[in-house]
Amino acid sequence: MSDKTVTCNLIVLRSRDLDRAHSFYRALGLNFIRHSHGSGPIHLASESAGQVFEIYPLTEQGAPTDSTRVGFAVPSVDDTYASLLSAGGTSVAPPKDSQWGRRAVIADPGGHRVKLTAQ
């Protein structure tokens, strides 16, 4: 086994509605650009600290990613939770204190669960 550190540098979700997904994740604080690779589909991409978060359109032939769960450390769980509800999210677990700190879970418009934890 190597002693090199491995980091995640890419997360890709698929959405039936890119505009709704864009609004939801923008409310989280992500900034996106629309682009495509060669003749590939137009998708959303946000890059921060060497990590890329992309949202591709879900096609009839594509496998859904709605069972994927992603997590974000945010300055205020309560404020971010409220912003995401206003941007089309659905409450899964409202903000509460736990042994791991303040946290909440909200579903994006496509059904992906997003865990929020305090920074």
N, C-alpha and C. Protein backbone atom coordinates (compact mmCIF):
# COMPACT_ATOMS: atom_id res chain seq x y z
N MET A 1 0.84 -1.18 0.00
CA MET A 1 0.00 0.00 0.00
C MET A 1 0.87 1.24 0.00
N SER A 2 0.53 2.22 -0.78
CA SER A 2 1.30 3.45 -0.91
C SER A 2 0.97 4.41 0.23
N ASP A 3 1.95 5.25 0.57
CA ASP A 3 1.71 6.25 1.61
C ASP A 3 1.27 7.59 1.02
N LYS A 4 0.96 7.60 -0.28
CA LYS A 4 0.50 8.81 -0.93
C LYS A 4 -0.95 9.10 -0.55
N THR A 5 -1.26 10.37 -0.38
CA THR A 5 -2.61 10.78 -0.06
C THR A 5 -3.46 10.78 -1.32
N VAL A 6 -4.64 10.23 -1.23
CA VAL A 6 -5.58 10.21 -2.35
C VAL A 6 -6.69 11.22 -2.03
N THR A 7 -7.02 12.06 -3.00
CA THR A 7 -8.09 13.03 -2.81
C THR A 7 -9.11 12.89 -3.94
N CYS A 8 -10.33 13.18 -3.62
CA CYS A 8 -11.39 13.19 -4.62
C CYS A 8 -11.31 14.52 -5.37
N ASN A 9 -11.26 14.48 -6.70
CA ASN A 9 -11.17 15.72 -7.46
C ASN A 9 -12.31 15.89 -8.47
N LEU A 10 -13.27 14.94 -8.50
CA LEU A 10 -14.37 15.05 -9.45
C LEU A 10 -15.61 14.36 -8.89
N ILE A 11 -16.73 15.08 -8.95
CA ILE A 11 -18.03 14.51 -8.63
C ILE A 11 -18.95 14.87 -9.79
N VAL A 12 -19.66 13.89 -10.32
CA VAL A 12 -20.58 14.11 -11.43
C VAL A 12 -21.96 13.59 -11.04
N LEU A 13 -22.96 14.45 -11.15
CA LEU A 13 -24.35 14.07 -10.96
C LEU A 13 -25.07 14.25 -12.28
N ARG A 14 -26.21 13.58 -12.42
CA ARG A 14 -27.05 13.76 -13.60
C ARG A 14 -28.41 14.29 -13.16
N SER A 15 -28.94 15.22 -13.94
CA SER A 15 -30.21 15.85 -13.59
C SER A 15 -31.12 15.93 -14.81
N ARG A 16 -32.41 15.73 -14.58
CA ARG A 16 -33.40 15.87 -15.65
C ARG A 16 -33.64 17.34 -15.98
N ASP A 17 -33.30 18.24 -15.06
CA ASP A 17 -33.56 19.67 -15.25
C ASP A 17 -32.33 20.47 -14.81
N LEU A 18 -31.46 20.79 -15.77
CA LEU A 18 -30.22 21.51 -15.44
C LEU A 18 -30.48 22.87 -14.83
N ASP A 19 -31.53 23.55 -15.28
CA ASP A 19 -31.81 24.88 -14.73
C ASP A 19 -32.18 24.82 -13.25
N ARG A 20 -33.02 23.86 -12.88
CA ARG A 20 -33.38 23.71 -11.46
C ARG A 20 -32.17 23.29 -10.64
N ALA A 21 -31.37 22.38 -11.15
CA ALA A 21 -30.15 21.96 -10.45
C ALA A 21 -29.20 23.14 -10.29
N HIS A 22 -29.08 23.94 -11.33
CA HIS A 22 -28.21 25.12 -11.28
C HIS A 22 -28.66 26.07 -10.18
N SER A 23 -29.95 26.35 -10.10
CA SER A 23 -30.47 27.25 -9.06
C SER A 23 -30.21 26.70 -7.67
N PHE A 24 -30.42 25.41 -7.48
CA PHE A 24 -30.23 24.78 -6.17
C PHE A 24 -28.77 24.87 -5.73
N TYR A 25 -27.85 24.44 -6.57
CA TYR A 25 -26.44 24.41 -6.17
C TYR A 25 -25.81 25.80 -6.15
N ARG A 26 -26.36 26.74 -6.92
CA ARG A 26 -25.92 28.13 -6.84
C ARG A 26 -26.30 28.70 -5.47
N ALA A 27 -27.49 28.32 -4.95
CA ALA A 27 -27.90 28.75 -3.61
C ALA A 27 -26.98 28.19 -2.53
N LEU A 28 -26.31 27.10 -2.83
CA LEU A 28 -25.33 26.53 -1.91
C LEU A 28 -24.03 27.33 -1.94
N GLY A 29 -23.83 28.10 -3.00
CA GLY A 29 -22.63 28.92 -3.12
C GLY A 29 -21.69 28.48 -4.22
N LEU A 30 -22.11 27.50 -5.03
CA LEU A 30 -21.25 27.05 -6.13
C LEU A 30 -21.47 27.93 -7.35
N ASN A 31 -20.41 28.25 -8.03
CA ASN A 31 -20.47 29.03 -9.27
C ASN A 31 -20.19 28.09 -10.43
N PHE A 32 -21.07 28.12 -11.41
CA PHE A 32 -20.97 27.19 -12.54
C PHE A 32 -20.71 27.91 -13.85
N ILE A 33 -20.08 27.18 -14.75
CA ILE A 33 -20.02 27.58 -16.15
C ILE A 33 -20.68 26.46 -16.94
N ARG A 34 -21.25 26.82 -18.07
CA ARG A 34 -21.82 25.82 -18.97
C ARG A 34 -20.79 25.55 -20.05
N HIS A 35 -20.51 24.28 -20.28
CA HIS A 35 -19.60 23.93 -21.36
C HIS A 35 -19.79 22.47 -21.76
N SER A 36 -19.07 22.07 -22.78
CA SER A 36 -19.10 20.68 -23.22
C SER A 36 -17.70 20.29 -23.65
N HIS A 37 -17.46 19.00 -23.66
CA HIS A 37 -16.18 18.46 -24.09
C HIS A 37 -16.36 17.92 -25.51
N GLY A 38 -15.75 18.57 -26.48
CA GLY A 38 -15.91 18.12 -27.86
C GLY A 38 -17.36 18.16 -28.28
N SER A 39 -17.88 17.02 -28.72
CA SER A 39 -19.28 16.96 -29.15
C SER A 39 -20.20 16.46 -28.04
N GLY A 40 -19.71 16.42 -26.81
CA GLY A 40 -20.51 15.97 -25.67
C GLY A 40 -21.59 16.96 -25.31
N PRO A 41 -22.45 16.56 -24.38
CA PRO A 41 -23.58 17.43 -24.00
C PRO A 41 -23.14 18.65 -23.21
N ILE A 42 -23.91 19.71 -23.33
CA ILE A 42 -23.68 20.89 -22.50
C ILE A 42 -24.03 20.49 -21.07
N HIS A 43 -23.14 20.86 -20.14
CA HIS A 43 -23.34 20.54 -18.74
C HIS A 43 -22.83 21.68 -17.88
N LEU A 44 -23.05 21.58 -16.58
CA LEU A 44 -22.60 22.59 -15.62
C LEU A 44 -21.33 22.11 -14.95
N ALA A 45 -20.39 23.02 -14.73
CA ALA A 45 -19.15 22.66 -14.04
C ALA A 45 -18.78 23.76 -13.07
N SER A 46 -18.42 23.36 -11.86
CA SER A 46 -17.96 24.27 -10.82
C SER A 46 -16.62 23.74 -10.32
N GLU A 47 -15.62 24.60 -10.30
CA GLU A 47 -14.30 24.18 -9.83
C GLU A 47 -13.89 25.03 -8.64
N SER A 48 -13.43 24.36 -7.59
CA SER A 48 -12.99 25.04 -6.39
C SER A 48 -11.94 24.19 -5.68
N ALA A 49 -10.83 24.80 -5.34
CA ALA A 49 -9.77 24.12 -4.59
C ALA A 49 -9.35 22.80 -5.24
N GLY A 50 -9.27 22.78 -6.57
CA GLY A 50 -8.82 21.59 -7.27
C GLY A 50 -9.87 20.50 -7.41
N GLN A 51 -11.09 20.77 -7.01
CA GLN A 51 -12.17 19.80 -7.14
C GLN A 51 -13.19 20.31 -8.14
N VAL A 52 -13.66 19.43 -9.00
CA VAL A 52 -14.66 19.77 -10.01
C VAL A 52 -15.97 19.07 -9.65
N PHE A 53 -17.05 19.85 -9.64
CA PHE A 53 -18.39 19.34 -9.39
C PHE A 53 -19.18 19.61 -10.66
N GLU A 54 -19.63 18.54 -11.33
CA GLU A 54 -20.34 18.69 -12.60
C GLU A 54 -21.75 18.12 -12.51
N ILE A 55 -22.63 18.74 -13.27
CA ILE A 55 -24.00 18.25 -13.40
C ILE A 55 -24.28 18.10 -14.88
N TYR A 56 -24.54 16.87 -15.29
CA TYR A 56 -24.83 16.55 -16.68
C TYR A 56 -26.33 16.32 -16.84
N PRO A 57 -26.84 16.54 -18.04
CA PRO A 57 -28.25 16.23 -18.26
C PRO A 57 -28.46 14.71 -18.19
N LEU A 58 -29.56 14.30 -17.58
CA LEU A 58 -29.91 12.89 -17.54
C LEU A 58 -30.71 12.57 -18.80
N THR A 59 -30.17 11.69 -19.61
CA THR A 59 -30.84 11.29 -20.85
C THR A 59 -31.61 10.00 -20.59
N GLU A 60 -32.45 9.63 -21.52
CA GLU A 60 -33.22 8.38 -21.40
C GLU A 60 -32.30 7.17 -21.31
N GLN A 61 -31.14 7.24 -21.96
CA GLN A 61 -30.20 6.12 -21.95
C GLN A 61 -29.26 6.15 -20.75
N GLY A 62 -29.16 7.29 -20.08
CA GLY A 62 -28.21 7.44 -18.98
C GLY A 62 -28.70 6.83 -17.69
N ALA A 63 -27.76 6.38 -16.88
CA ALA A 63 -28.11 5.84 -15.56
C ALA A 63 -28.31 6.99 -14.58
N PRO A 64 -29.41 6.98 -13.82
CA PRO A 64 -29.63 8.05 -12.85
C PRO A 64 -28.60 7.99 -11.72
N THR A 65 -28.35 9.14 -11.13
CA THR A 65 -27.41 9.22 -10.00
C THR A 65 -28.12 9.63 -8.73
N ASP A 66 -29.46 9.52 -8.71
CA ASP A 66 -30.21 10.05 -7.57
C ASP A 66 -29.98 9.31 -6.26
N SER A 67 -29.30 8.17 -6.28
CA SER A 67 -28.96 7.50 -5.03
C SER A 67 -27.62 8.00 -4.48
N THR A 68 -26.97 8.88 -5.23
CA THR A 68 -25.72 9.47 -4.78
C THR A 68 -25.98 10.48 -3.68
N ARG A 69 -25.11 10.48 -2.67
CA ARG A 69 -25.22 11.44 -1.58
C ARG A 69 -23.92 12.24 -1.55
N VAL A 70 -24.05 13.56 -1.51
CA VAL A 70 -22.87 14.42 -1.44
C VAL A 70 -22.95 15.25 -0.16
N GLY A 71 -21.82 15.72 0.30
CA GLY A 71 -21.79 16.51 1.52
C GLY A 71 -20.97 17.78 1.34
N PHE A 72 -21.38 18.82 2.02
CA PHE A 72 -20.69 20.10 1.96
C PHE A 72 -20.54 20.66 3.36
N ALA A 73 -19.36 21.14 3.69
CA ALA A 73 -19.13 21.88 4.93
C ALA A 73 -19.44 23.34 4.62
N VAL A 74 -20.33 23.93 5.40
CA VAL A 74 -20.81 25.28 5.13
C VAL A 74 -20.64 26.16 6.38
N PRO A 75 -20.56 27.48 6.19
CA PRO A 75 -20.41 28.37 7.34
C PRO A 75 -21.59 28.32 8.30
N SER A 76 -22.81 28.23 7.76
CA SER A 76 -24.02 28.17 8.60
C SER A 76 -24.96 27.11 8.04
N VAL A 77 -25.13 26.04 8.77
CA VAL A 77 -26.04 24.98 8.34
C VAL A 77 -27.46 25.52 8.22
N ASP A 78 -27.90 26.29 9.21
CA ASP A 78 -29.28 26.79 9.22
C ASP A 78 -29.56 27.73 8.05
N ASP A 79 -28.65 28.68 7.80
CA ASP A 79 -28.85 29.62 6.70
C ASP A 79 -28.80 28.91 5.35
N THR A 80 -27.85 28.00 5.18
CA THR A 80 -27.73 27.27 3.91
C THR A 80 -28.94 26.39 3.68
N TYR A 81 -29.40 25.71 4.71
CA TYR A 81 -30.59 24.86 4.64
C TYR A 81 -31.79 25.68 4.16
N ALA A 82 -31.99 26.86 4.76
CA ALA A 82 -33.11 27.72 4.38
C ALA A 82 -32.98 28.17 2.92
N SER A 83 -31.77 28.53 2.51
CA SER A 83 -31.54 28.95 1.11
C SER A 83 -31.85 27.82 0.14
N LEU A 84 -31.45 26.61 0.50
CA LEU A 84 -31.67 25.48 -0.39
C LEU A 84 -33.14 25.08 -0.45
N LEU A 85 -33.87 25.23 0.64
CA LEU A 85 -35.32 25.00 0.59
C LEU A 85 -35.97 25.99 -0.37
N SER A 86 -35.55 27.25 -0.29
CA SER A 86 -36.10 28.29 -1.18
C SER A 86 -35.74 28.05 -2.63
N ALA A 87 -34.63 27.33 -2.86
CA ALA A 87 -34.17 27.06 -4.23
C ALA A 87 -34.68 25.73 -4.77
N GLY A 88 -35.70 25.16 -4.12
CA GLY A 88 -36.32 23.95 -4.66
C GLY A 88 -35.94 22.66 -3.96
N GLY A 89 -35.18 22.74 -2.87
CA GLY A 89 -34.82 21.54 -2.12
C GLY A 89 -35.97 21.03 -1.27
N THR A 90 -35.87 19.78 -0.85
CA THR A 90 -36.86 19.14 0.00
C THR A 90 -36.17 18.67 1.28
N SER A 91 -36.75 18.98 2.42
CA SER A 91 -36.16 18.60 3.69
C SER A 91 -36.14 17.08 3.87
N VAL A 92 -35.00 16.56 4.27
CA VAL A 92 -34.86 15.15 4.64
C VAL A 92 -34.66 15.07 6.16
N ALA A 93 -33.74 15.89 6.68
CA ALA A 93 -33.49 15.98 8.12
C ALA A 93 -33.14 17.43 8.43
N PRO A 94 -33.99 18.15 9.16
CA PRO A 94 -33.73 19.56 9.44
C PRO A 94 -32.47 19.75 10.29
N PRO A 95 -31.95 20.97 10.34
CA PRO A 95 -30.75 21.22 11.12
C PRO A 95 -30.91 20.80 12.58
N LYS A 96 -29.87 20.15 13.08
CA LYS A 96 -29.84 19.78 14.50
C LYS A 96 -28.39 19.56 14.92
N ASP A 97 -28.18 19.64 16.20
CA ASP A 97 -26.86 19.36 16.76
C ASP A 97 -26.71 17.87 16.95
N SER A 98 -25.52 17.36 16.69
CA SER A 98 -25.24 15.94 16.87
C SER A 98 -23.82 15.82 17.43
N GLN A 99 -23.41 14.61 17.71
CA GLN A 99 -22.06 14.41 18.22
C GLN A 99 -21.00 14.79 17.18
N TRP A 100 -21.40 14.95 15.92
CA TRP A 100 -20.48 15.36 14.85
C TRP A 100 -20.62 16.85 14.53
N GLY A 101 -21.38 17.57 15.32
CA GLY A 101 -21.61 19.00 15.09
C GLY A 101 -22.98 19.25 14.47
N ARG A 102 -23.22 20.48 14.09
CA ARG A 102 -24.51 20.87 13.49
C ARG A 102 -24.58 20.29 12.09
N ARG A 103 -25.72 19.71 11.75
CA ARG A 103 -25.86 19.10 10.43
C ARG A 103 -27.31 19.06 9.99
N ALA A 104 -27.52 18.85 8.70
CA ALA A 104 -28.86 18.71 8.11
C ALA A 104 -28.71 17.94 6.81
N VAL A 105 -29.82 17.41 6.33
CA VAL A 105 -29.83 16.73 5.03
C VAL A 105 -31.02 17.27 4.24
N ILE A 106 -30.76 17.60 2.98
CA ILE A 106 -31.79 18.13 2.10
C ILE A 106 -31.65 17.44 0.75
N ALA A 107 -32.76 17.21 0.06
CA ALA A 107 -32.71 16.61 -1.27
C ALA A 107 -32.76 17.72 -2.31
N ASP A 108 -31.90 17.60 -3.33
CA ASP A 108 -31.94 18.58 -4.42
C ASP A 108 -33.16 18.28 -5.30
N PRO A 109 -33.46 19.13 -6.29
CA PRO A 109 -34.66 18.92 -7.12
C PRO A 109 -34.68 17.57 -7.86
N GLY A 110 -33.51 16.96 -8.06
CA GLY A 110 -33.45 15.67 -8.74
C GLY A 110 -33.47 14.49 -7.79
N GLY A 111 -33.51 14.75 -6.48
CA GLY A 111 -33.58 13.67 -5.50
C GLY A 111 -32.25 13.31 -4.84
N HIS A 112 -31.13 13.91 -5.28
CA HIS A 112 -29.85 13.64 -4.64
C HIS A 112 -29.87 14.19 -3.22
N ARG A 113 -29.40 13.42 -2.28
CA ARG A 113 -29.34 13.90 -0.90
C ARG A 113 -28.05 14.66 -0.67
N VAL A 114 -28.20 15.82 -0.05
CA VAL A 114 -27.07 16.71 0.21
C VAL A 114 -26.96 16.90 1.71
N LYS A 115 -25.83 16.48 2.26
CA LYS A 115 -25.58 16.62 3.70
C LYS A 115 -24.83 17.92 3.95
N LEU A 116 -25.33 18.70 4.86
CA LEU A 116 -24.68 19.95 5.25
C LEU A 116 -24.11 19.78 6.64
N THR A 117 -22.85 20.15 6.81
CA THR A 117 -22.23 20.13 8.13
C THR A 117 -21.56 21.48 8.36
N ALA A 118 -21.50 21.87 9.62
CA ALA A 118 -20.86 23.14 9.97
C ALA A 118 -19.36 23.04 9.76
N GLN A 119 -18.78 24.12 9.23
CA GLN A 119 -17.33 24.15 9.01
C GLN A 119 -16.61 24.20 10.34
